[in-house]
């Protein structure tokens, strides 16, 4: 996946564009600083104080842009993360995670809800960033349809992947090389490969298997 440097100001503008494309975007607007802190911070080993500091920097950047606390600096990002950021915003996935964290209990921790949101999103972004192409494809397909399908079956997932009847791939682009795209045809849409990717995503803590009314499927792990 392509990787390049982007300024903090450019990243914020890109995020603003994704917010504008998202229906019912009040949560994204309210927690913009936390989301940007999750994208640009490093909170290994539970460094939540660092999350607080990054949120504060972004809040100052957003409220008082003339100060340019971050604007002239650059960070290195993968295209995979910008693709995922857009999908997770417009599909409602980030909204759902924000609501889940906001309703959670922080008993025993001197942690604000904002910090909890930033760290939870950072953990999600960090895990997604490490996905292999085939895992990323399946997870992105599921995330793209999150608003309508917070839970889904393998058959539903297969219907979202390219097929002979609908050959265009909504994941593939010039920055992402896919080994399963052969001569313009997707060879991934086969049950064993999909099951292997779903099992991998379960092992990485991104999806959970479910069973309801004798129907097996998956849901997003919060």
N, C-alpha and C. Protein backbone atom coordinates (compact mmCIF):
# COMPACT_ATOMS: atom_id res chain seq x y z
N UNK A 1 0.85 -1.19 0.00
CA UNK A 1 0.00 0.00 0.00
C UNK A 1 0.88 1.24 0.00
N UNK A 2 0.53 2.22 -0.79
CA UNK A 2 1.33 3.44 -0.91
C UNK A 2 1.44 4.15 0.44
N UNK A 3 2.56 4.83 0.62
CA UNK A 3 2.84 5.53 1.86
C UNK A 3 3.47 6.87 1.52
N UNK A 4 3.06 7.93 2.19
CA UNK A 4 3.62 9.24 1.88
C UNK A 4 3.48 10.16 3.09
N UNK A 5 4.11 11.33 2.99
CA UNK A 5 4.05 12.31 4.07
C UNK A 5 2.95 13.32 3.78
N UNK A 6 2.24 13.69 4.83
CA UNK A 6 1.16 14.66 4.72
C UNK A 6 1.24 15.60 5.93
N UNK A 7 0.96 16.85 5.72
CA UNK A 7 1.00 17.79 6.84
C UNK A 7 -0.25 17.60 7.70
N UNK A 8 -0.16 17.99 8.95
CA UNK A 8 -1.30 17.90 9.84
C UNK A 8 -2.47 18.73 9.31
N UNK A 9 -2.17 19.88 8.75
CA UNK A 9 -3.21 20.74 8.19
C UNK A 9 -3.90 20.05 7.01
N UNK A 10 -3.12 19.38 6.14
CA UNK A 10 -3.70 18.66 5.00
C UNK A 10 -4.56 17.50 5.48
N UNK A 11 -4.10 16.82 6.51
CA UNK A 11 -4.87 15.71 7.07
C UNK A 11 -6.20 16.21 7.62
N UNK A 12 -6.19 17.33 8.30
CA UNK A 12 -7.41 17.90 8.84
C UNK A 12 -8.39 18.28 7.72
N UNK A 13 -7.87 18.86 6.65
CA UNK A 13 -8.72 19.24 5.52
C UNK A 13 -9.35 18.00 4.88
N UNK A 14 -8.56 16.92 4.78
CA UNK A 14 -9.07 15.68 4.21
C UNK A 14 -10.18 15.11 5.10
N UNK A 15 -9.95 15.15 6.40
CA UNK A 15 -10.94 14.66 7.35
C UNK A 15 -12.21 15.52 7.28
N UNK A 16 -12.06 16.83 7.14
CA UNK A 16 -13.22 17.72 6.99
C UNK A 16 -14.04 17.32 5.77
N UNK A 17 -13.36 16.90 4.71
CA UNK A 17 -14.05 16.47 3.49
C UNK A 17 -14.87 15.21 3.77
N UNK A 18 -14.29 14.27 4.50
CA UNK A 18 -15.01 13.04 4.83
C UNK A 18 -16.21 13.35 5.73
N UNK A 19 -16.04 14.27 6.67
CA UNK A 19 -17.16 14.66 7.54
C UNK A 19 -18.30 15.24 6.70
N UNK A 20 -17.94 16.09 5.73
CA UNK A 20 -18.95 16.71 4.87
C UNK A 20 -19.72 15.68 4.06
N UNK A 21 -19.09 14.55 3.74
CA UNK A 21 -19.72 13.50 2.95
C UNK A 21 -20.54 12.54 3.80
N UNK A 22 -20.53 12.75 5.12
CA UNK A 22 -21.18 11.82 6.05
C UNK A 22 -22.53 12.36 6.52
N UNK A 23 -23.61 11.60 6.34
CA UNK A 23 -24.90 12.04 6.88
C UNK A 23 -24.89 11.96 8.40
N UNK A 24 -25.66 12.82 9.05
CA UNK A 24 -25.74 12.81 10.52
C UNK A 24 -24.35 12.81 11.15
N UNK A 25 -23.59 13.85 10.84
CA UNK A 25 -22.18 13.88 11.21
C UNK A 25 -21.88 14.63 12.51
N UNK A 26 -22.88 14.82 13.36
CA UNK A 26 -22.68 15.62 14.58
C UNK A 26 -21.64 15.00 15.51
N UNK A 27 -21.61 13.66 15.59
CA UNK A 27 -20.62 13.00 16.46
C UNK A 27 -19.21 13.23 15.95
N UNK A 28 -19.04 13.18 14.64
CA UNK A 28 -17.71 13.39 14.07
C UNK A 28 -17.24 14.82 14.33
N UNK A 29 -18.16 15.77 14.20
CA UNK A 29 -17.81 17.16 14.45
C UNK A 29 -17.48 17.39 15.93
N UNK A 30 -18.28 16.80 16.80
CA UNK A 30 -18.06 16.99 18.24
C UNK A 30 -16.75 16.39 18.71
N UNK A 31 -16.36 15.25 18.11
CA UNK A 31 -15.16 14.53 18.57
C UNK A 31 -14.04 14.57 17.52
N UNK A 32 -14.02 15.63 16.75
CA UNK A 32 -13.01 15.77 15.71
C UNK A 32 -11.59 15.72 16.28
N UNK A 33 -11.35 16.42 17.37
CA UNK A 33 -10.01 16.45 17.97
C UNK A 33 -9.57 15.06 18.42
N UNK A 34 -10.50 14.29 19.01
CA UNK A 34 -10.16 12.95 19.48
C UNK A 34 -9.82 12.01 18.31
N UNK A 35 -10.60 12.13 17.22
CA UNK A 35 -10.36 11.28 16.06
C UNK A 35 -9.01 11.60 15.42
N UNK A 36 -8.71 12.88 15.28
CA UNK A 36 -7.42 13.28 14.72
C UNK A 36 -6.27 12.89 15.66
N UNK A 37 -6.51 12.95 16.96
CA UNK A 37 -5.49 12.52 17.92
C UNK A 37 -5.23 11.02 17.78
N UNK A 38 -6.28 10.25 17.51
CA UNK A 38 -6.11 8.81 17.32
C UNK A 38 -5.30 8.51 16.06
N UNK A 39 -5.47 9.32 15.04
CA UNK A 39 -4.75 9.11 13.78
C UNK A 39 -3.28 9.50 13.87
N UNK A 40 -2.96 10.46 14.70
CA UNK A 40 -1.62 11.05 14.68
C UNK A 40 -0.80 10.78 15.93
N UNK A 41 -1.38 10.12 16.93
CA UNK A 41 -0.65 9.85 18.16
C UNK A 41 -0.10 8.44 18.24
N UNK A 42 0.65 8.15 19.29
CA UNK A 42 1.19 6.82 19.55
C UNK A 42 1.02 6.54 21.04
N UNK A 43 0.12 5.63 21.35
CA UNK A 43 -0.23 5.39 22.74
C UNK A 43 0.12 3.98 23.18
N UNK A 44 1.26 3.48 22.73
CA UNK A 44 1.74 2.17 23.15
C UNK A 44 1.90 2.15 24.66
N UNK A 45 1.70 0.95 25.23
CA UNK A 45 1.87 0.73 26.67
C UNK A 45 0.93 1.62 27.50
N UNK A 46 -0.26 1.88 26.95
CA UNK A 46 -1.27 2.61 27.70
C UNK A 46 -0.89 4.03 28.05
N UNK A 47 -0.18 4.69 27.15
CA UNK A 47 0.27 6.06 27.41
C UNK A 47 -0.89 7.02 27.17
N UNK A 48 -1.85 7.06 28.09
CA UNK A 48 -3.05 7.87 27.92
C UNK A 48 -2.78 9.34 28.17
N UNK A 49 -1.75 9.66 28.98
CA UNK A 49 -1.40 11.07 29.16
C UNK A 49 -1.02 11.70 27.83
N UNK A 50 -0.32 10.91 27.00
CA UNK A 50 0.05 11.38 25.67
C UNK A 50 -1.18 11.64 24.83
N UNK A 51 -2.23 10.82 24.99
CA UNK A 51 -3.48 11.02 24.26
C UNK A 51 -4.12 12.34 24.68
N UNK A 52 -4.11 12.64 25.98
CA UNK A 52 -4.65 13.91 26.46
C UNK A 52 -3.93 15.10 25.82
N UNK A 53 -2.60 14.99 25.76
CA UNK A 53 -1.81 16.08 25.20
C UNK A 53 -2.11 16.28 23.72
N UNK A 54 -2.24 15.16 22.97
CA UNK A 54 -2.50 15.27 21.54
C UNK A 54 -3.90 15.83 21.28
N UNK A 55 -4.87 15.44 22.11
CA UNK A 55 -6.22 15.99 21.97
C UNK A 55 -6.19 17.50 22.20
N UNK A 56 -5.46 17.92 23.22
CA UNK A 56 -5.36 19.35 23.52
C UNK A 56 -4.73 20.12 22.37
N UNK A 57 -3.68 19.54 21.77
CA UNK A 57 -3.05 20.18 20.62
C UNK A 57 -4.03 20.35 19.47
N UNK A 58 -4.79 19.29 19.19
CA UNK A 58 -5.75 19.36 18.09
C UNK A 58 -6.87 20.34 18.39
N UNK A 59 -7.31 20.39 19.66
CA UNK A 59 -8.37 21.34 20.02
C UNK A 59 -7.90 22.77 19.78
N UNK A 60 -6.66 23.05 20.13
CA UNK A 60 -6.11 24.39 19.88
C UNK A 60 -5.96 24.65 18.39
N UNK A 61 -5.57 23.61 17.64
CA UNK A 61 -5.41 23.75 16.21
C UNK A 61 -6.75 24.06 15.54
N UNK A 62 -7.81 23.38 16.02
CA UNK A 62 -9.13 23.55 15.42
C UNK A 62 -9.75 24.89 15.82
N UNK A 63 -9.64 25.24 17.11
CA UNK A 63 -10.27 26.46 17.61
C UNK A 63 -9.48 27.71 17.25
N UNK A 64 -8.16 27.58 17.18
CA UNK A 64 -7.29 28.74 16.92
C UNK A 64 -6.27 28.39 15.85
N UNK A 65 -6.73 28.19 14.62
CA UNK A 65 -5.83 27.72 13.56
C UNK A 65 -4.67 28.66 13.28
N UNK A 66 -4.80 29.92 13.63
CA UNK A 66 -3.71 30.85 13.35
C UNK A 66 -2.46 30.52 14.14
N UNK A 67 -2.62 29.75 15.23
CA UNK A 67 -1.45 29.40 16.02
C UNK A 67 -0.57 28.36 15.32
N UNK A 68 -1.17 27.57 14.41
CA UNK A 68 -0.43 26.58 13.62
C UNK A 68 0.45 25.69 14.50
N UNK A 69 -0.14 25.17 15.57
CA UNK A 69 0.63 24.31 16.47
C UNK A 69 1.10 23.04 15.78
N UNK A 70 0.29 22.57 14.84
CA UNK A 70 0.63 21.33 14.15
C UNK A 70 0.74 21.50 12.64
N UNK A 71 0.20 22.57 12.12
CA UNK A 71 -0.01 22.69 10.68
C UNK A 71 1.22 22.53 9.83
N UNK A 72 2.37 23.00 10.28
CA UNK A 72 3.57 22.96 9.44
C UNK A 72 4.36 21.67 9.58
N UNK A 73 3.91 20.78 10.46
CA UNK A 73 4.61 19.51 10.67
C UNK A 73 4.02 18.44 9.76
N UNK A 74 4.81 17.38 9.53
CA UNK A 74 4.38 16.31 8.64
C UNK A 74 4.40 14.97 9.37
N UNK A 75 3.49 14.10 8.97
CA UNK A 75 3.51 12.73 9.46
C UNK A 75 3.47 11.79 8.26
N UNK A 76 3.90 10.57 8.48
CA UNK A 76 3.87 9.57 7.41
C UNK A 76 2.61 8.73 7.58
N UNK A 77 1.83 8.61 6.51
CA UNK A 77 0.60 7.83 6.56
C UNK A 77 0.56 6.84 5.41
N UNK A 78 -0.16 5.76 5.61
CA UNK A 78 -0.40 4.79 4.55
C UNK A 78 -1.72 5.12 3.87
N UNK A 79 -1.79 4.91 2.60
CA UNK A 79 -3.04 5.12 1.87
C UNK A 79 -4.16 4.26 2.46
N UNK A 80 -3.78 3.09 2.95
CA UNK A 80 -4.77 2.18 3.54
C UNK A 80 -5.54 2.87 4.67
N UNK A 81 -4.84 3.73 5.45
CA UNK A 81 -5.49 4.38 6.57
C UNK A 81 -6.42 5.51 6.11
N UNK A 82 -6.02 6.21 5.06
CA UNK A 82 -6.90 7.25 4.53
C UNK A 82 -8.15 6.63 3.91
N UNK A 83 -7.98 5.50 3.22
CA UNK A 83 -9.13 4.78 2.67
C UNK A 83 -10.07 4.33 3.79
N UNK A 84 -9.47 3.77 4.84
CA UNK A 84 -10.28 3.27 5.95
C UNK A 84 -10.94 4.41 6.71
N UNK A 85 -10.23 5.52 6.87
CA UNK A 85 -10.81 6.67 7.57
C UNK A 85 -12.08 7.14 6.88
N UNK A 86 -12.03 7.23 5.56
CA UNK A 86 -13.20 7.67 4.81
C UNK A 86 -14.37 6.72 4.99
N UNK A 87 -14.10 5.43 4.83
CA UNK A 87 -15.16 4.43 4.93
C UNK A 87 -15.73 4.37 6.35
N UNK A 88 -14.86 4.41 7.37
CA UNK A 88 -15.34 4.31 8.74
C UNK A 88 -16.12 5.54 9.17
N UNK A 89 -15.84 6.68 8.54
CA UNK A 89 -16.64 7.90 8.80
C UNK A 89 -18.00 7.80 8.13
N UNK A 90 -18.01 7.59 6.84
CA UNK A 90 -19.25 7.66 6.06
C UNK A 90 -20.19 6.49 6.34
N UNK A 91 -19.66 5.35 6.82
CA UNK A 91 -20.50 4.18 7.08
C UNK A 91 -21.12 4.18 8.47
N UNK A 92 -20.63 5.06 9.35
CA UNK A 92 -21.15 5.09 10.71
C UNK A 92 -20.37 4.25 11.69
N UNK A 93 -19.28 3.62 11.25
CA UNK A 93 -18.50 2.75 12.14
C UNK A 93 -17.86 3.54 13.28
N UNK A 94 -17.28 4.70 12.98
CA UNK A 94 -16.68 5.53 14.03
C UNK A 94 -17.76 6.04 14.97
N UNK A 95 -18.90 6.43 14.42
CA UNK A 95 -20.03 6.86 15.26
C UNK A 95 -20.37 5.80 16.30
N UNK A 96 -20.49 4.56 15.85
CA UNK A 96 -20.88 3.46 16.75
C UNK A 96 -19.84 3.25 17.84
N UNK A 97 -18.56 3.36 17.49
CA UNK A 97 -17.50 3.18 18.49
C UNK A 97 -17.52 4.33 19.50
N UNK A 98 -17.75 5.54 19.02
CA UNK A 98 -17.83 6.70 19.93
C UNK A 98 -18.97 6.52 20.93
N UNK A 99 -20.13 6.10 20.45
CA UNK A 99 -21.28 5.88 21.33
C UNK A 99 -20.97 4.80 22.35
N UNK A 100 -20.35 3.71 21.90
CA UNK A 100 -20.02 2.60 22.80
C UNK A 100 -19.07 3.05 23.90
N UNK A 101 -18.02 3.77 23.54
CA UNK A 101 -17.04 4.24 24.54
C UNK A 101 -17.68 5.27 25.46
N UNK A 102 -18.50 6.16 24.91
CA UNK A 102 -19.13 7.22 25.71
C UNK A 102 -20.07 6.64 26.77
N UNK A 103 -20.68 5.50 26.47
CA UNK A 103 -21.61 4.89 27.40
C UNK A 103 -20.94 3.92 28.36
N UNK A 104 -19.64 3.71 28.19
CA UNK A 104 -18.89 2.78 29.01
C UNK A 104 -18.56 3.34 30.37
N UNK A 105 -18.05 2.48 31.23
CA UNK A 105 -17.67 2.88 32.58
C UNK A 105 -16.15 2.97 32.68
N UNK A 106 -15.67 4.04 33.29
CA UNK A 106 -14.24 4.23 33.49
C UNK A 106 -13.89 4.13 34.97
N UNK A 107 -14.68 3.35 35.70
CA UNK A 107 -14.46 3.19 37.13
C UNK A 107 -13.04 2.72 37.41
N UNK A 108 -12.37 3.41 38.33
CA UNK A 108 -11.01 3.03 38.68
C UNK A 108 -9.95 3.70 37.82
N UNK A 109 -10.37 4.46 36.81
CA UNK A 109 -9.43 5.13 35.92
C UNK A 109 -9.71 6.63 35.92
N UNK A 110 -8.66 7.41 35.97
CA UNK A 110 -8.81 8.87 35.86
C UNK A 110 -8.70 9.24 34.39
N UNK A 111 -9.69 8.81 33.64
CA UNK A 111 -9.68 8.95 32.19
C UNK A 111 -10.94 9.65 31.74
N UNK A 112 -10.80 10.66 30.90
CA UNK A 112 -11.97 11.33 30.37
C UNK A 112 -12.56 10.51 29.23
N UNK A 113 -13.82 10.79 28.92
CA UNK A 113 -14.46 10.10 27.79
C UNK A 113 -13.70 10.40 26.50
N UNK A 114 -13.26 11.66 26.33
CA UNK A 114 -12.52 12.02 25.13
C UNK A 114 -11.26 11.21 24.96
N UNK A 115 -10.52 11.01 26.06
CA UNK A 115 -9.30 10.21 25.99
C UNK A 115 -9.63 8.76 25.67
N UNK A 116 -10.70 8.25 26.28
CA UNK A 116 -11.12 6.88 25.99
C UNK A 116 -11.46 6.70 24.52
N UNK A 117 -12.12 7.68 23.93
CA UNK A 117 -12.46 7.62 22.50
C UNK A 117 -11.19 7.62 21.65
N UNK A 118 -10.25 8.52 21.97
CA UNK A 118 -9.02 8.61 21.18
C UNK A 118 -8.24 7.31 21.24
N UNK A 119 -8.12 6.71 22.43
CA UNK A 119 -7.35 5.48 22.57
C UNK A 119 -8.04 4.31 21.88
N UNK A 120 -9.37 4.22 22.03
CA UNK A 120 -10.12 3.14 21.37
C UNK A 120 -9.98 3.22 19.86
N UNK A 121 -10.08 4.42 19.32
CA UNK A 121 -9.92 4.60 17.87
C UNK A 121 -8.48 4.31 17.44
N UNK A 122 -7.51 4.74 18.25
CA UNK A 122 -6.11 4.46 17.92
C UNK A 122 -5.87 2.95 17.87
N UNK A 123 -6.44 2.20 18.80
CA UNK A 123 -6.28 0.75 18.80
C UNK A 123 -6.88 0.14 17.53
N UNK A 124 -8.05 0.65 17.12
CA UNK A 124 -8.68 0.17 15.89
C UNK A 124 -7.81 0.50 14.68
N UNK A 125 -7.37 1.76 14.55
CA UNK A 125 -6.55 2.17 13.41
C UNK A 125 -5.24 1.39 13.36
N UNK A 126 -4.63 1.16 14.52
CA UNK A 126 -3.36 0.44 14.57
C UNK A 126 -3.52 -1.00 14.09
N UNK A 127 -4.62 -1.64 14.48
CA UNK A 127 -4.87 -3.02 14.05
C UNK A 127 -5.15 -3.08 12.56
N UNK A 128 -5.98 -2.17 12.06
CA UNK A 128 -6.32 -2.16 10.63
C UNK A 128 -5.08 -1.90 9.78
N UNK A 129 -4.21 -1.03 10.26
CA UNK A 129 -3.00 -0.68 9.51
C UNK A 129 -2.11 -1.89 9.26
N UNK A 130 -2.20 -2.90 10.11
CA UNK A 130 -1.33 -4.08 10.01
C UNK A 130 -1.96 -5.22 9.22
N UNK A 131 -3.18 -5.01 8.71
CA UNK A 131 -3.87 -6.09 7.99
C UNK A 131 -3.21 -6.39 6.66
N UNK A 132 -3.24 -7.67 6.28
CA UNK A 132 -2.83 -8.06 4.93
C UNK A 132 -3.90 -7.63 3.94
N UNK A 133 -3.54 -7.61 2.66
CA UNK A 133 -4.46 -7.13 1.64
C UNK A 133 -5.81 -7.85 1.68
N UNK A 134 -5.80 -9.19 1.80
CA UNK A 134 -7.05 -9.94 1.72
C UNK A 134 -7.90 -9.72 2.97
N UNK A 135 -7.25 -9.62 4.14
CA UNK A 135 -8.00 -9.29 5.35
C UNK A 135 -8.59 -7.89 5.24
N UNK A 136 -7.78 -6.96 4.73
CA UNK A 136 -8.23 -5.58 4.60
C UNK A 136 -9.42 -5.48 3.66
N UNK A 137 -9.39 -6.22 2.58
CA UNK A 137 -10.49 -6.20 1.61
C UNK A 137 -11.79 -6.62 2.28
N UNK A 138 -11.77 -7.75 3.00
CA UNK A 138 -12.98 -8.25 3.65
C UNK A 138 -13.45 -7.28 4.73
N UNK A 139 -12.53 -6.77 5.53
CA UNK A 139 -12.93 -5.85 6.60
C UNK A 139 -13.49 -4.54 6.03
N UNK A 140 -12.88 -4.05 4.96
CA UNK A 140 -13.37 -2.82 4.34
C UNK A 140 -14.75 -3.04 3.74
N UNK A 141 -14.97 -4.20 3.11
CA UNK A 141 -16.30 -4.48 2.56
C UNK A 141 -17.34 -4.47 3.67
N UNK A 142 -17.01 -5.10 4.79
CA UNK A 142 -17.95 -5.14 5.92
C UNK A 142 -18.16 -3.73 6.48
N UNK A 143 -17.06 -2.98 6.63
CA UNK A 143 -17.16 -1.62 7.18
C UNK A 143 -17.97 -0.71 6.26
N UNK A 144 -17.80 -0.87 4.95
CA UNK A 144 -18.53 -0.05 3.98
C UNK A 144 -20.03 -0.21 4.14
N UNK A 145 -20.47 -1.41 4.54
CA UNK A 145 -21.90 -1.69 4.66
C UNK A 145 -22.38 -1.66 6.11
N UNK A 146 -21.57 -1.08 7.00
CA UNK A 146 -21.88 -1.13 8.43
C UNK A 146 -23.22 -0.49 8.77
N UNK A 147 -23.54 0.62 8.12
CA UNK A 147 -24.78 1.34 8.46
C UNK A 147 -26.01 0.46 8.27
N UNK A 148 -26.00 -0.37 7.24
CA UNK A 148 -27.14 -1.26 6.96
C UNK A 148 -26.95 -2.65 7.57
N UNK A 149 -25.68 -3.06 7.77
CA UNK A 149 -25.40 -4.42 8.22
C UNK A 149 -24.33 -4.39 9.32
N UNK A 150 -24.72 -4.07 10.55
CA UNK A 150 -23.76 -4.13 11.65
C UNK A 150 -23.43 -5.58 11.98
N UNK A 151 -24.32 -6.48 11.56
CA UNK A 151 -24.07 -7.93 11.60
C UNK A 151 -24.32 -8.47 10.19
N UNK A 152 -23.56 -9.48 9.79
CA UNK A 152 -23.69 -9.97 8.41
C UNK A 152 -23.31 -11.44 8.32
N UNK A 153 -23.82 -12.09 7.28
CA UNK A 153 -23.50 -13.50 7.02
C UNK A 153 -22.44 -13.57 5.92
N UNK A 154 -21.89 -14.76 5.74
CA UNK A 154 -20.90 -14.95 4.68
C UNK A 154 -21.55 -14.71 3.32
N UNK A 155 -22.79 -15.16 3.15
CA UNK A 155 -23.47 -14.95 1.87
C UNK A 155 -23.65 -13.46 1.58
N UNK A 156 -23.97 -12.67 2.60
CA UNK A 156 -24.11 -11.23 2.41
C UNK A 156 -22.76 -10.61 2.04
N UNK A 157 -21.71 -11.05 2.71
CA UNK A 157 -20.38 -10.56 2.40
C UNK A 157 -20.00 -10.90 0.96
N UNK A 158 -20.28 -12.11 0.54
CA UNK A 158 -19.96 -12.52 -0.83
C UNK A 158 -20.70 -11.67 -1.85
N UNK A 159 -21.92 -11.27 -1.51
CA UNK A 159 -22.71 -10.45 -2.46
C UNK A 159 -22.10 -9.06 -2.64
N UNK A 160 -21.25 -8.63 -1.69
CA UNK A 160 -20.62 -7.31 -1.80
C UNK A 160 -19.33 -7.35 -2.60
N UNK A 161 -18.75 -8.52 -2.75
CA UNK A 161 -17.49 -8.67 -3.48
C UNK A 161 -17.76 -8.74 -4.98
N UNK A 162 -16.76 -8.38 -5.80
CA UNK A 162 -16.93 -8.44 -7.26
C UNK A 162 -17.29 -9.85 -7.73
N UNK A 163 -18.10 -9.93 -8.78
CA UNK A 163 -18.49 -11.21 -9.34
C UNK A 163 -18.55 -11.07 -10.85
N UNK A 164 -18.87 -12.17 -11.52
CA UNK A 164 -19.00 -12.12 -12.98
C UNK A 164 -20.10 -11.15 -13.39
N UNK A 165 -21.19 -11.17 -12.62
CA UNK A 165 -22.31 -10.28 -12.93
C UNK A 165 -21.99 -8.82 -12.63
N UNK A 166 -21.18 -8.60 -11.58
CA UNK A 166 -20.80 -7.24 -11.18
C UNK A 166 -19.29 -7.19 -10.97
N UNK A 167 -18.52 -7.07 -12.06
CA UNK A 167 -17.07 -7.24 -11.99
C UNK A 167 -16.29 -6.07 -11.36
N UNK A 168 -16.89 -4.89 -11.29
CA UNK A 168 -16.14 -3.74 -10.78
C UNK A 168 -15.84 -3.90 -9.29
N UNK A 169 -14.59 -3.65 -8.91
CA UNK A 169 -14.17 -3.74 -7.52
C UNK A 169 -14.18 -2.36 -6.88
N UNK A 170 -14.90 -2.22 -5.78
CA UNK A 170 -14.97 -0.92 -5.11
C UNK A 170 -13.82 -0.70 -4.15
N UNK A 171 -12.94 -1.69 -4.02
CA UNK A 171 -11.78 -1.56 -3.13
C UNK A 171 -10.52 -1.21 -3.89
N UNK A 172 -10.36 -1.79 -5.05
CA UNK A 172 -9.10 -1.66 -5.79
C UNK A 172 -8.93 -0.26 -6.35
N UNK A 173 -7.71 0.27 -6.23
CA UNK A 173 -7.39 1.56 -6.84
C UNK A 173 -5.91 1.57 -7.22
N UNK A 174 -5.44 2.66 -7.74
CA UNK A 174 -4.07 2.72 -8.27
C UNK A 174 -3.01 2.60 -7.19
N UNK A 175 -3.39 2.80 -5.93
CA UNK A 175 -2.40 2.74 -4.85
C UNK A 175 -2.39 1.39 -4.13
N UNK A 176 -3.27 0.50 -4.51
CA UNK A 176 -3.38 -0.78 -3.81
C UNK A 176 -3.26 -1.93 -4.82
N UNK A 177 -2.17 -2.69 -4.71
CA UNK A 177 -1.99 -3.85 -5.57
C UNK A 177 -2.65 -5.05 -4.92
N UNK A 178 -3.54 -5.72 -5.62
CA UNK A 178 -4.25 -6.87 -5.08
C UNK A 178 -3.86 -8.12 -5.87
N UNK A 179 -3.36 -9.12 -5.18
CA UNK A 179 -2.95 -10.37 -5.83
C UNK A 179 -4.13 -11.14 -6.40
N UNK A 180 -5.33 -10.84 -5.93
CA UNK A 180 -6.50 -11.60 -6.37
C UNK A 180 -7.23 -10.96 -7.55
N UNK A 181 -6.74 -9.80 -7.98
CA UNK A 181 -7.32 -9.17 -9.17
C UNK A 181 -6.50 -9.62 -10.37
N UNK A 182 -7.05 -10.52 -11.16
CA UNK A 182 -6.33 -11.13 -12.29
C UNK A 182 -7.05 -10.79 -13.58
N UNK A 183 -6.35 -10.08 -14.46
CA UNK A 183 -6.92 -9.70 -15.76
C UNK A 183 -8.27 -9.03 -15.60
N UNK A 184 -8.39 -8.19 -14.59
CA UNK A 184 -9.63 -7.46 -14.37
C UNK A 184 -10.70 -8.25 -13.65
N UNK A 185 -10.41 -9.51 -13.28
CA UNK A 185 -11.40 -10.34 -12.60
C UNK A 185 -10.96 -10.62 -11.16
N UNK A 186 -11.92 -10.63 -10.23
CA UNK A 186 -11.64 -10.93 -8.83
C UNK A 186 -11.71 -12.44 -8.62
N UNK A 187 -10.61 -13.01 -8.11
CA UNK A 187 -10.58 -14.45 -7.84
C UNK A 187 -10.73 -14.74 -6.35
N UNK A 188 -11.03 -13.70 -5.57
CA UNK A 188 -11.12 -13.87 -4.12
C UNK A 188 -12.50 -14.34 -3.68
N UNK A 189 -13.51 -14.08 -4.50
CA UNK A 189 -14.90 -14.35 -4.11
C UNK A 189 -15.20 -15.85 -4.14
N UNK A 190 -14.49 -16.56 -3.29
CA UNK A 190 -14.70 -18.00 -3.13
C UNK A 190 -14.78 -18.28 -1.63
N UNK A 191 -15.72 -19.12 -1.23
CA UNK A 191 -16.00 -19.33 0.18
C UNK A 191 -14.78 -19.70 1.02
N UNK A 192 -13.90 -20.64 0.62
CA UNK A 192 -12.75 -20.98 1.47
C UNK A 192 -11.84 -19.78 1.76
N UNK A 193 -11.60 -18.95 0.76
CA UNK A 193 -10.74 -17.78 0.97
C UNK A 193 -11.40 -16.76 1.88
N UNK A 194 -12.69 -16.57 1.70
CA UNK A 194 -13.43 -15.62 2.54
C UNK A 194 -13.46 -16.11 3.98
N UNK A 195 -13.70 -17.41 4.18
CA UNK A 195 -13.73 -17.97 5.53
C UNK A 195 -12.37 -17.82 6.20
N UNK A 196 -11.30 -18.01 5.44
CA UNK A 196 -9.96 -17.86 6.00
C UNK A 196 -9.72 -16.42 6.45
N UNK A 197 -10.15 -15.45 5.65
CA UNK A 197 -9.99 -14.04 6.01
C UNK A 197 -10.83 -13.69 7.24
N UNK A 198 -12.06 -14.19 7.30
CA UNK A 198 -12.92 -13.92 8.46
C UNK A 198 -12.33 -14.52 9.73
N UNK A 199 -11.76 -15.72 9.62
CA UNK A 199 -11.12 -16.34 10.77
C UNK A 199 -9.93 -15.51 11.23
N UNK A 200 -9.19 -14.97 10.28
CA UNK A 200 -8.04 -14.13 10.59
C UNK A 200 -8.48 -12.85 11.29
N UNK A 201 -9.56 -12.22 10.81
CA UNK A 201 -10.07 -11.00 11.42
C UNK A 201 -10.60 -11.25 12.83
N UNK A 202 -11.17 -12.44 13.04
CA UNK A 202 -11.60 -12.81 14.39
C UNK A 202 -10.39 -12.95 15.30
N UNK A 203 -9.32 -13.59 14.79
CA UNK A 203 -8.11 -13.76 15.58
C UNK A 203 -7.43 -12.44 15.91
N UNK A 204 -7.63 -11.43 15.07
CA UNK A 204 -7.02 -10.12 15.30
C UNK A 204 -7.93 -9.18 16.09
N UNK A 205 -9.07 -9.71 16.54
CA UNK A 205 -9.92 -8.94 17.42
C UNK A 205 -10.79 -7.89 16.75
N UNK A 206 -11.04 -8.02 15.45
CA UNK A 206 -11.84 -7.04 14.73
C UNK A 206 -13.28 -7.49 14.51
N UNK A 207 -13.50 -8.79 14.41
CA UNK A 207 -14.84 -9.33 14.20
C UNK A 207 -15.12 -10.42 15.23
N UNK A 208 -16.41 -10.63 15.52
CA UNK A 208 -16.83 -11.70 16.41
C UNK A 208 -17.84 -12.60 15.70
N UNK A 209 -17.70 -13.93 15.81
CA UNK A 209 -18.71 -14.82 15.22
C UNK A 209 -19.98 -14.80 16.05
N UNK A 210 -21.13 -14.91 15.40
CA UNK A 210 -22.41 -14.92 16.09
C UNK A 210 -23.29 -16.04 15.52
N UNK A 211 -24.28 -16.46 16.31
CA UNK A 211 -25.25 -17.44 15.85
C UNK A 211 -26.62 -17.01 16.36
N UNK A 212 -27.56 -16.86 15.44
CA UNK A 212 -28.90 -16.41 15.81
C UNK A 212 -29.91 -17.09 14.90
N UNK A 213 -30.88 -17.76 15.52
CA UNK A 213 -31.91 -18.48 14.76
C UNK A 213 -31.29 -19.43 13.75
N UNK A 214 -30.31 -20.20 14.21
CA UNK A 214 -29.60 -21.18 13.39
C UNK A 214 -28.87 -20.55 12.22
N UNK A 215 -28.61 -19.26 12.32
CA UNK A 215 -27.95 -18.53 11.25
C UNK A 215 -26.60 -18.02 11.77
N UNK A 216 -25.52 -18.37 11.06
CA UNK A 216 -24.20 -17.99 11.49
C UNK A 216 -23.76 -16.71 10.77
N UNK A 217 -23.04 -15.89 11.48
CA UNK A 217 -22.55 -14.66 10.87
C UNK A 217 -21.47 -14.03 11.71
N UNK A 218 -21.24 -12.73 11.48
CA UNK A 218 -20.20 -11.99 12.18
C UNK A 218 -20.71 -10.60 12.53
N UNK A 219 -20.12 -10.03 13.57
CA UNK A 219 -20.39 -8.64 13.92
C UNK A 219 -19.08 -7.97 14.28
N UNK A 220 -19.09 -6.65 14.31
CA UNK A 220 -17.90 -5.88 14.64
C UNK A 220 -17.66 -5.92 16.14
N UNK A 221 -16.42 -6.17 16.51
CA UNK A 221 -16.06 -6.14 17.93
C UNK A 221 -15.80 -4.70 18.35
N UNK A 222 -16.41 -4.27 19.44
CA UNK A 222 -16.24 -2.89 19.94
C UNK A 222 -15.14 -2.86 20.98
